[in-house]
Amino acid sequence: QDAPRRQARMALSIPPPPAAPVCYRFDGVRVDTAARRLWVDGVERRTQPLVYNLLWLLCEQPRQVVPRDVLFQRLWPDGSFPSDESLSQLVFKLRA
């Protein structure tokens, strides 16, 4: 059952992150991709690397739904595919 899911994820063509550093700003949030730093309402917030990567990935796709398979492929590019719960926990931490 996992094999078709893995093949579907691997078959997606995912563009790499932008080559040039970018600073995203929205609703009191600033994401500096060059420094890999995050500020919320002017206060720097430390995040786990995967949580930061999820935020960055979502910033790259403004106002778009990012399919779960794309999230898995971009967050775990080494081919390891953790459970859906792992992704759910990252989303929970990002919202916090």
PDB file of N, CA and C in Angstrom:
ATOM      1  N   GLN A   1       0.826  -1.193   0.000  1.00  0.00           N
ATOM      2  CA  GLN A   1       0.000   0.000   0.000  1.00  0.00           C
ATOM      3  C   GLN A   1       0.870   1.256   0.000  1.00  0.00           C
ATOM      4  N   ASP A   2       1.998   1.241   0.686  1.00  0.00           N
ATOM      5  CA  ASP A   2       2.877   2.407   0.709  1.00  0.00           C
ATOM      6  C   ASP A   2       3.648   2.592  -0.588  1.00  0.00           C
ATOM      7  N   ALA A   3       3.901   1.503  -1.325  1.00  0.00           N
ATOM      8  CA  ALA A   3       4.692   1.606  -2.557  1.00  0.00           C
ATOM      9  C   ALA A   3       4.040   2.529  -3.584  1.00  0.00           C
ATOM     10  N   PRO A   4       2.747   2.387  -3.898  1.00  0.00           N
ATOM     11  CA  PRO A   4       2.149   3.326  -4.869  1.00  0.00           C
ATOM     12  C   PRO A   4       2.188   4.764  -4.382  1.00  0.00           C
ATOM     13  N   ARG A   5       2.016   4.943  -3.089  1.00  0.00           N
ATOM     14  CA  ARG A   5       2.054   6.294  -2.520  1.00  0.00           C
ATOM     15  C   ARG A   5       3.441   6.900  -2.689  1.00  0.00           C
ATOM     16  N   ARG A   6       4.479   6.113  -2.422  1.00  0.00           N
ATOM     17  CA  ARG A   6       5.843   6.595  -2.594  1.00  0.00           C
ATOM     18  C   ARG A   6       6.123   6.912  -4.057  1.00  0.00           C
ATOM     19  N   GLN A   7       5.683   6.036  -4.956  1.00  0.00           N
ATOM     20  CA  GLN A   7       5.908   6.276  -6.383  1.00  0.00           C
ATOM     21  C   GLN A   7       5.200   7.543  -6.839  1.00  0.00           C
ATOM     22  N   ALA A   8       4.001   7.768  -6.353  1.00  0.00           N
ATOM     23  CA  ALA A   8       3.263   8.974  -6.733  1.00  0.00           C
ATOM     24  C   ALA A   8       3.996  10.211  -6.251  1.00  0.00           C
ATOM     25  N   ARG A   9       4.520  10.150  -5.035  1.00  0.00           N
ATOM     26  CA  ARG A   9       5.263  11.294  -4.510  1.00  0.00           C
ATOM     27  C   ARG A   9       6.530  11.533  -5.305  1.00  0.00           C
ATOM     28  N   MET A  10       7.220  10.461  -5.652  1.00  0.00           N
ATOM     29  CA  MET A  10       8.483  10.605  -6.364  1.00  0.00           C
ATOM     30  C   MET A  10       8.268  11.086  -7.789  1.00  0.00           C
ATOM     31  N   ALA A  11       7.097  10.822  -8.354  1.00  0.00           N
ATOM     32  CA  ALA A  11       6.826  11.202  -9.735  1.00  0.00           C
ATOM     33  C   ALA A  11       6.546  12.687  -9.895  1.00  0.00           C
ATOM     34  N   LEU A  12       6.228  13.373  -8.795  1.00  0.00           N
ATOM     35  CA  LEU A  12       5.934  14.801  -8.876  1.00  0.00           C
ATOM     36  C   LEU A  12       7.182  15.585  -9.244  1.00  0.00           C
ATOM     37  N   SER A  13       6.999  16.593 -10.047  1.00  0.00           N
ATOM     38  CA  SER A  13       8.105  17.477 -10.394  1.00  0.00           C
ATOM     39  C   SER A  13       8.032  18.695  -9.495  1.00  0.00           C
ATOM     40  N   ILE A  14       8.963  18.786  -8.568  1.00  0.00           N
ATOM     41  CA  ILE A  14       8.947  19.857  -7.582  1.00  0.00           C
ATOM     42  C   ILE A  14      10.072  20.831  -7.884  1.00  0.00           C
ATOM     43  N   PRO A  15       9.746  22.096  -8.097  1.00  0.00           N
ATOM     44  CA  PRO A  15      10.819  23.069  -8.337  1.00  0.00           C
ATOM     45  C   PRO A  15      11.610  23.296  -7.056  1.00  0.00           C
ATOM     46  N   PRO A  16      12.911  23.556  -7.187  1.00  0.00           N
ATOM     47  CA  PRO A  16      13.721  23.831  -5.999  1.00  0.00           C
ATOM     48  C   PRO A  16      13.381  25.205  -5.426  1.00  0.00           C
ATOM     49  N   PRO A  17      13.810  25.455  -4.189  1.00  0.00           N
ATOM     50  CA  PRO A  17      13.587  26.785  -3.628  1.00  0.00           C
ATOM     51  C   PRO A  17      14.295  27.840  -4.463  1.00  0.00           C
ATOM     52  N   PRO A  18      13.890  29.108  -4.362  1.00  0.00           N
ATOM     53  CA  PRO A  18      14.533  30.163  -5.146  1.00  0.00           C
ATOM     54  C   PRO A  18      16.036  30.204  -4.860  1.00  0.00           C
ATOM     55  N   ALA A  19      16.823  30.463  -5.894  1.00  0.00           N
ATOM     56  CA  ALA A  19      18.278  30.517  -5.748  1.00  0.00           C
ATOM     57  C   ALA A  19      18.700  31.746  -4.947  1.00  0.00           C
ATOM     58  N   ALA A  20      18.019  32.842  -5.156  1.00  0.00           N
ATOM     59  CA  ALA A  20      18.356  34.084  -4.457  1.00  0.00           C
ATOM     60  C   ALA A  20      17.597  34.162  -3.136  1.00  0.00           C
ATOM     61  N   PRO A  21      18.241  34.706  -2.100  1.00  0.00           N
ATOM     62  CA  PRO A  21      17.540  34.872  -0.827  1.00  0.00           C
ATOM     63  C   PRO A  21      16.318  35.779  -0.992  1.00  0.00           C
ATOM     64  N   VAL A  22      15.296  35.470  -0.238  1.00  0.00           N
ATOM     65  CA  VAL A  22      14.044  36.210  -0.302  1.00  0.00           C
ATOM     66  C   VAL A  22      13.609  36.519   1.125  1.00  0.00           C
ATOM     67  N   CYS A  23      12.931  37.630   1.291  1.00  0.00           N
ATOM     68  CA  CYS A  23      12.343  37.964   2.583  1.00  0.00           C
ATOM     69  C   CYS A  23      10.832  38.052   2.378  1.00  0.00           C
ATOM     70  N   TYR A  24      10.100  37.172   3.023  1.00  0.00           N
ATOM     71  CA  TYR A  24       8.644  37.161   2.927  1.00  0.00           C
ATOM     72  C   TYR A  24       8.073  37.918   4.123  1.00  0.00           C
ATOM     73  N   ARG A  25       7.009  38.711   3.876  1.00  0.00           N
ATOM     74  CA  ARG A  25       6.347  39.461   4.941  1.00  0.00           C
ATOM     75  C   ARG A  25       4.833  39.315   4.788  1.00  0.00           C
ATOM     76  N   PHE A  26       4.176  39.028   5.920  1.00  0.00           N
ATOM     77  CA  PHE A  26       2.718  38.951   5.935  1.00  0.00           C
ATOM     78  C   PHE A  26       2.233  38.962   7.381  1.00  0.00           C
ATOM     79  N   ASP A  27       1.163  39.669   7.648  1.00  0.00           N
ATOM     80  CA  ASP A  27       0.485  39.679   8.962  1.00  0.00           C
ATOM     81  C   ASP A  27       1.440  39.728  10.152  1.00  0.00           C
ATOM     82  N   GLY A  28       2.406  40.613  10.147  1.00  0.00           N
ATOM     83  CA  GLY A  28       3.326  40.729  11.267  1.00  0.00           C
ATOM     84  C   GLY A  28       4.425  39.686  11.291  1.00  0.00           C
ATOM     85  N   VAL A  29       4.485  38.869  10.243  1.00  0.00           N
ATOM     86  CA  VAL A  29       5.495  37.806  10.147  1.00  0.00           C
ATOM     87  C   VAL A  29       6.529  38.197   9.105  1.00  0.00           C
ATOM     88  N   ARG A  30       7.789  37.974   9.412  1.00  0.00           N
ATOM     89  CA  ARG A  30       8.870  38.184   8.448  1.00  0.00           C
ATOM     90  C   ARG A  30       9.731  36.929   8.426  1.00  0.00           C
ATOM     91  N   VAL A  31       9.944  36.391   7.226  1.00  0.00           N
ATOM     92  CA  VAL A  31      10.755  35.192   7.031  1.00  0.00           C
ATOM     93  C   VAL A  31      11.945  35.588   6.169  1.00  0.00           C
ATOM     94  N   ASP A  32      13.132  35.508   6.726  1.00  0.00           N
ATOM     95  CA  ASP A  32      14.366  35.849   6.010  1.00  0.00           C
ATOM     96  C   ASP A  32      15.038  34.545   5.604  1.00  0.00           C
ATOM     97  N   THR A  33      14.947  34.210   4.316  1.00  0.00           N
ATOM     98  CA  THR A  33      15.474  32.923   3.859  1.00  0.00           C
ATOM     99  C   THR A  33      16.996  32.899   3.799  1.00  0.00           C
ATOM    100  N   ALA A  34      17.636  34.050   3.656  1.00  0.00           N
ATOM    101  CA  ALA A  34      19.101  34.081   3.616  1.00  0.00           C
ATOM    102  C   ALA A  34      19.671  33.733   4.987  1.00  0.00           C
ATOM    103  N   ALA A  35      19.092  34.305   6.017  1.00  0.00           N
ATOM    104  CA  ALA A  35      19.578  34.078   7.381  1.00  0.00           C
ATOM    105  C   ALA A  35      18.862  32.913   8.065  1.00  0.00           C
ATOM    106  N   ARG A  36      17.800  32.397   7.417  1.00  0.00           N
ATOM    107  CA  ARG A  36      16.965  31.336   7.996  1.00  0.00           C
ATOM    108  C   ARG A  36      16.447  31.772   9.373  1.00  0.00           C
ATOM    109  N   ARG A  37      15.880  32.996   9.388  1.00  0.00           N
ATOM    110  CA  ARG A  37      15.356  33.556  10.631  1.00  0.00           C
ATOM    111  C   ARG A  37      13.901  33.946  10.450  1.00  0.00           C
ATOM    112  N   LEU A  38      13.179  33.948  11.562  1.00  0.00           N
ATOM    113  CA  LEU A  38      11.748  34.227  11.568  1.00  0.00           C
ATOM    114  C   LEU A  38      11.441  35.237  12.662  1.00  0.00           C
ATOM    115  N   TRP A  39      10.646  36.240  12.320  1.00  0.00           N
ATOM    116  CA  TRP A  39      10.181  37.229  13.291  1.00  0.00           C
ATOM    117  C   TRP A  39       8.660  37.263  13.254  1.00  0.00           C
ATOM    118  N   VAL A  40       8.060  37.366  14.428  1.00  0.00           N
ATOM    119  CA  VAL A  40       6.617  37.536  14.553  1.00  0.00           C
ATOM    120  C   VAL A  40       6.388  38.782  15.397  1.00  0.00           C
ATOM    121  N   ASP A  41       5.719  39.768  14.816  1.00  0.00           N
ATOM    122  CA  ASP A  41       5.479  41.054  15.481  1.00  0.00           C
ATOM    123  C   ASP A  41       6.772  41.651  16.029  1.00  0.00           C
ATOM    124  N   GLY A  42       7.836  41.571  15.232  1.00  0.00           N
ATOM    125  CA  GLY A  42       9.114  42.171  15.581  1.00  0.00           C
ATOM    126  C   GLY A  42       9.969  41.369  16.542  1.00  0.00           C
ATOM    127  N   VAL A  43       9.476  40.234  17.002  1.00  0.00           N
ATOM    128  CA  VAL A  43      10.219  39.396  17.944  1.00  0.00           C
ATOM    129  C   VAL A  43      10.737  38.162  17.207  1.00  0.00           C
ATOM    130  N   GLU A  44      12.049  37.939  17.294  1.00  0.00           N
ATOM    131  CA  GLU A  44      12.605  36.761  16.628  1.00  0.00           C
ATOM    132  C   GLU A  44      12.119  35.493  17.321  1.00  0.00           C
ATOM    133  N   ARG A  45      11.708  34.535  16.524  1.00  0.00           N
ATOM    134  CA  ARG A  45      11.213  33.254  17.032  1.00  0.00           C
ATOM    135  C   ARG A  45      12.113  32.144  16.506  1.00  0.00           C
ATOM    136  N   ARG A  46      12.525  31.302  17.384  1.00  0.00           N
ATOM    137  CA  ARG A  46      13.316  30.139  16.989  1.00  0.00           C
ATOM    138  C   ARG A  46      12.349  29.001  16.666  1.00  0.00           C
ATOM    139  N   THR A  47      12.664  28.277  15.604  1.00  0.00           N
ATOM    140  CA  THR A  47      11.823  27.155  15.213  1.00  0.00           C
ATOM    141  C   THR A  47      12.700  25.958  14.891  1.00  0.00           C
ATOM    142  N   GLN A  48      12.094  24.811  14.929  1.00  0.00           N
ATOM    143  CA  GLN A  48      12.793  23.604  14.491  1.00  0.00           C
ATOM    144  C   GLN A  48      13.014  23.713  12.988  1.00  0.00           C
ATOM    145  N   PRO A  49      14.092  23.122  12.470  1.00  0.00           N
ATOM    146  CA  PRO A  49      14.382  23.235  11.034  1.00  0.00           C
ATOM    147  C   PRO A  49      13.225  22.804  10.130  1.00  0.00           C
ATOM    148  N   LEU A  50      12.567  21.692  10.445  1.00  0.00           N
ATOM    149  CA  LEU A  50      11.467  21.246   9.584  1.00  0.00           C
ATOM    150  C   LEU A  50      10.273  22.195   9.644  1.00  0.00           C
ATOM    151  N   VAL A  51      10.022  22.780  10.797  1.00  0.00           N
ATOM    152  CA  VAL A  51       8.927  23.747  10.918  1.00  0.00           C
ATOM    153  C   VAL A  51       9.248  24.969  10.072  1.00  0.00           C
ATOM    154  N   TYR A  52      10.493  25.447  10.146  1.00  0.00           N
ATOM    155  CA  TYR A  52      10.911  26.586   9.326  1.00  0.00           C
ATOM    156  C   TYR A  52      10.798  26.244   7.839  1.00  0.00           C
ATOM    157  N   ASN A  53      11.245  25.054   7.455  1.00  0.00           N
ATOM    158  CA  ASN A  53      11.178  24.651   6.047  1.00  0.00           C
ATOM    159  C   ASN A  53       9.734  24.585   5.554  1.00  0.00           C
ATOM    160  N   LEU A  54       8.828  24.137   6.414  1.00  0.00           N
ATOM    161  CA  LEU A  54       7.411  24.108   6.039  1.00  0.00           C
ATOM    162  C   LEU A  54       6.902  25.525   5.802  1.00  0.00           C
ATOM    163  N   LEU A  55       7.230  26.439   6.701  1.00  0.00           N
ATOM    164  CA  LEU A  55       6.814  27.829   6.525  1.00  0.00           C
ATOM    165  C   LEU A  55       7.368  28.398   5.231  1.00  0.00           C
ATOM    166  N   TRP A  56       8.642  28.164   4.966  1.00  0.00           N
ATOM    167  CA  TRP A  56       9.274  28.659   3.745  1.00  0.00           C
ATOM    168  C   TRP A  56       8.577  28.087   2.515  1.00  0.00           C
ATOM    169  N   LEU A  57       8.318  26.814   2.534  1.00  0.00           N
ATOM    170  CA  LEU A  57       7.647  26.167   1.401  1.00  0.00           C
ATOM    171  C   LEU A  57       6.275  26.793   1.162  1.00  0.00           C
ATOM    172  N   LEU A  58       5.532  27.045   2.230  1.00  0.00           N
ATOM    173  CA  LEU A  58       4.212  27.658   2.081  1.00  0.00           C
ATOM    174  C   LEU A  58       4.313  29.099   1.597  1.00  0.00           C
ATOM    175  N   CYS A  59       5.367  29.805   2.011  1.00  0.00           N
ATOM    176  CA  CYS A  59       5.581  31.180   1.532  1.00  0.00           C
ATOM    177  C   CYS A  59       5.855  31.205   0.026  1.00  0.00           C
ATOM    178  N   GLU A  60       6.493  30.168  -0.473  1.00  0.00           N
ATOM    179  CA  GLU A  60       6.806  30.089  -1.910  1.00  0.00           C
ATOM    180  C   GLU A  60       5.554  29.916  -2.762  1.00  0.00           C
ATOM    181  N   GLN A  61       4.476  29.455  -2.163  1.00  0.00           N
ATOM    182  CA  GLN A  61       3.236  29.164  -2.889  1.00  0.00           C
ATOM    183  C   GLN A  61       2.082  29.980  -2.328  1.00  0.00           C
ATOM    184  N   PRO A  62       2.160  31.311  -2.384  1.00  0.00           N
ATOM    185  CA  PRO A  62       1.108  32.121  -1.756  1.00  0.00           C
ATOM    186  C   PRO A  62      -0.268  31.873  -2.372  1.00  0.00           C
ATOM    187  N   ARG A  63      -1.254  31.824  -1.484  1.00  0.00           N
ATOM    188  CA  ARG A  63      -2.655  31.662  -1.888  1.00  0.00           C
ATOM    189  C   ARG A  63      -2.889  30.407  -2.730  1.00  0.00           C
ATOM    190  N   GLN A  64      -2.088  29.384  -2.508  1.00  0.00           N
ATOM    191  CA  GLN A  64      -2.262  28.122  -3.235  1.00  0.00           C
ATOM    192  C   GLN A  64      -2.326  26.975  -2.236  1.00  0.00           C
ATOM    193  N   VAL A  65      -3.070  25.958  -2.592  1.00  0.00           N
ATOM    194  CA  VAL A  65      -3.094  24.738  -1.803  1.00  0.00           C
ATOM    195  C   VAL A  65      -1.886  23.907  -2.233  1.00  0.00           C
ATOM    196  N   VAL A  66      -1.062  23.539  -1.273  1.00  0.00           N
ATOM    197  CA  VAL A  66       0.114  22.715  -1.573  1.00  0.00           C
ATOM    198  C   VAL A  66      -0.261  21.276  -1.244  1.00  0.00           C
ATOM    199  N   PRO A  67      -0.268  20.403  -2.241  1.00  0.00           N
ATOM    200  CA  PRO A  67      -0.662  19.010  -1.992  1.00  0.00           C
ATOM    201  C   PRO A  67       0.249  18.335  -0.965  1.00  0.00           C
ATOM    202  N   ARG A  68      -0.339  17.472  -0.206  1.00  0.00           N
ATOM    203  CA  ARG A  68       0.379  16.731   0.838  1.00  0.00           C
ATOM    204  C   ARG A  68       1.608  16.026   0.256  1.00  0.00           C
ATOM    205  N   ASP A  69       1.476  15.434  -0.919  1.00  0.00           N
ATOM    206  CA  ASP A  69       2.610  14.734  -1.534  1.00  0.00           C
ATOM    207  C   ASP A  69       3.773  15.689  -1.794  1.00  0.00           C
ATOM    208  N   VAL A  70       3.460  16.896  -2.188  1.00  0.00           N
ATOM    209  CA  VAL A  70       4.504  17.892  -2.430  1.00  0.00           C
ATOM    210  C   VAL A  70       5.184  18.245  -1.111  1.00  0.00           C
ATOM    211  N   LEU A  71       4.394  18.419  -0.066  1.00  0.00           N
ATOM    212  CA  LEU A  71       4.965  18.718   1.240  1.00  0.00           C
ATOM    213  C   LEU A  71       5.925  17.618   1.684  1.00  0.00           C
ATOM    214  N   PHE A  72       5.504  16.375   1.545  1.00  0.00           N
ATOM    215  CA  PHE A  72       6.372  15.256   1.924  1.00  0.00           C
ATOM    216  C   PHE A  72       7.666  15.252   1.108  1.00  0.00           C
ATOM    217  N   GLN A  73       7.542  15.441  -0.191  1.00  0.00           N
ATOM    218  CA  GLN A  73       8.728  15.373  -1.047  1.00  0.00           C
ATOM    219  C   GLN A  73       9.702  16.508  -0.756  1.00  0.00           C
ATOM    220  N   ARG A  74       9.188  17.697  -0.505  1.00  0.00           N
ATOM    221  CA  ARG A  74      10.065  18.842  -0.244  1.00  0.00           C
ATOM    222  C   ARG A  74      10.642  18.820   1.160  1.00  0.00           C
ATOM    223  N   LEU A  75       9.873  18.367   2.137  1.00  0.00           N
ATOM    224  CA  LEU A  75      10.355  18.361   3.518  1.00  0.00           C
ATOM    225  C   LEU A  75      11.268  17.181   3.821  1.00  0.00           C
ATOM    226  N   TRP A  76      11.057  16.076   3.122  1.00  0.00           N
ATOM    227  CA  TRP A  76      11.882  14.890   3.315  1.00  0.00           C
ATOM    228  C   TRP A  76      12.419  14.430   1.961  1.00  0.00           C
ATOM    229  N   PRO A  77      13.337  15.209   1.352  1.00  0.00           N
ATOM    230  CA  PRO A  77      13.825  14.901  -0.004  1.00  0.00           C
ATOM    231  C   PRO A  77      14.702  13.656  -0.078  1.00  0.00           C
ATOM    232  N   ASP A  78      15.116  13.126   1.060  1.00  0.00           N
ATOM    233  CA  ASP A  78      15.976  11.941   1.046  1.00  0.00           C
ATOM    234  C   ASP A  78      15.210  10.663   0.731  1.00  0.00           C
ATOM    235  N   GLY A  79      13.892  10.783   0.544  1.00  0.00           N
ATOM    236  CA  GLY A  79      13.100   9.611   0.194  1.00  0.00           C
ATOM    237  C   GLY A  79      12.466   8.937   1.391  1.00  0.00           C
ATOM    238  N   SER A  80      12.805   9.374   2.593  1.00  0.00           N
ATOM    239  CA  SER A  80      12.130   8.815   3.762  1.00  0.00           C
ATOM    240  C   SER A  80      10.750   9.463   3.840  1.00  0.00           C
ATOM    241  N   PHE A  81       9.748   8.650   4.008  1.00  0.00           N
ATOM    242  CA  PHE A  81       8.392   9.167   4.046  1.00  0.00           C
ATOM    243  C   PHE A  81       7.785   8.843   5.402  1.00  0.00           C
ATOM    244  N   PRO A  82       7.833   9.799   6.315  1.00  0.00           N
ATOM    245  CA  PRO A  82       7.251   9.564   7.638  1.00  0.00           C
ATOM    246  C   PRO A  82       5.732   9.491   7.561  1.00  0.00           C
ATOM    247  N   SER A  83       5.131   9.244   8.670  1.00  0.00           N
ATOM    248  CA  SER A  83       3.675   9.116   8.712  1.00  0.00           C
ATOM    249  C   SER A  83       2.994  10.470   8.485  1.00  0.00           C
ATOM    250  N   ASP A  84       1.718  10.401   8.171  1.00  0.00           N
ATOM    251  CA  ASP A  84       0.918  11.613   8.030  1.00  0.00           C
ATOM    252  C   ASP A  84       0.910  12.398   9.335  1.00  0.00           C
ATOM    253  N   GLU A  85       0.994  11.690  10.449  1.00  0.00           N
ATOM    254  CA  GLU A  85       0.998  12.339  11.757  1.00  0.00           C
ATOM    255  C   GLU A  85       2.218  13.246  11.914  1.00  0.00           C
ATOM    256  N   SER A  86       3.348  12.872  11.325  1.00  0.00           N
ATOM    257  CA  SER A  86       4.555  13.714  11.394  1.00  0.00           C
ATOM    258  C   SER A  86       4.296  15.070  10.743  1.00  0.00           C
ATOM    259  N   LEU A  87       3.657  15.044   9.591  1.00  0.00           N
ATOM    260  CA  LEU A  87       3.330  16.287   8.906  1.00  0.00           C
ATOM    261  C   LEU A  87       2.299  17.080   9.712  1.00  0.00           C
ATOM    262  N   SER A  88       1.321  16.409  10.257  1.00  0.00           N
ATOM    263  CA  SER A  88       0.307  17.077  11.074  1.00  0.00           C
ATOM    264  C   SER A  88       0.947  17.769  12.280  1.00  0.00           C
ATOM    265  N   GLN A  89       1.925  17.134  12.886  1.00  0.00           N
ATOM    266  CA  GLN A  89       2.617  17.732  14.034  1.00  0.00           C
ATOM    267  C   GLN A  89       3.403  18.975  13.609  1.00  0.00           C
ATOM    268  N   LEU A  90       4.023  18.935  12.431  1.00  0.00           N
ATOM    269  CA  LEU A  90       4.735  20.124  11.940  1.00  0.00           C
ATOM    270  C   LEU A  90       3.773  21.281  11.734  1.00  0.00           C
ATOM    271  N   VAL A  91       2.615  21.006  11.157  1.00  0.00           N
ATOM    272  CA  VAL A  91       1.610  22.053  10.938  1.00  0.00           C
ATOM    273  C   VAL A  91       1.143  22.603  12.280  1.00  0.00           C
ATOM    274  N   PHE A  92       0.918  21.737  13.248  1.00  0.00           N
ATOM    275  CA  PHE A  92       0.506  22.161  14.591  1.00  0.00           C
ATOM    276  C   PHE A  92       1.556  23.095  15.198  1.00  0.00           C
ATOM    277  N   LYS A  93       2.830  22.710  15.115  1.00  0.00           N
ATOM    278  CA  LYS A  93       3.910  23.529  15.671  1.00  0.00           C
ATOM    279  C   LYS A  93       4.032  24.865  14.938  1.00  0.00           C
ATOM    280  N   LEU A  94       3.853  24.852  13.639  1.00  0.00           N
ATOM    281  CA  LEU A  94       3.928  26.094  12.865  1.00  0.00           C
ATOM    282  C   LEU A  94       2.801  27.040  13.268  1.00  0.00           C
ATOM    283  N   ARG A  95       1.625  26.533  13.448  1.00  0.00           N
ATOM    284  CA  ARG A  95       0.493  27.379  13.864  1.00  0.00           C
ATOM    285  C   ARG A  95       0.719  27.979  15.239  1.00  0.00           C
ATOM    286  N   ALA A  96       1.386  27.214  16.113  1.00  0.00           N
ATOM    287  CA  ALA A  96       1.646  27.705  17.475  1.00  0.00           C
ATOM    288  C   ALA A  96       2.613  28.874  17.410  1.00  0.00           C
TER     289      ALA A  96
END
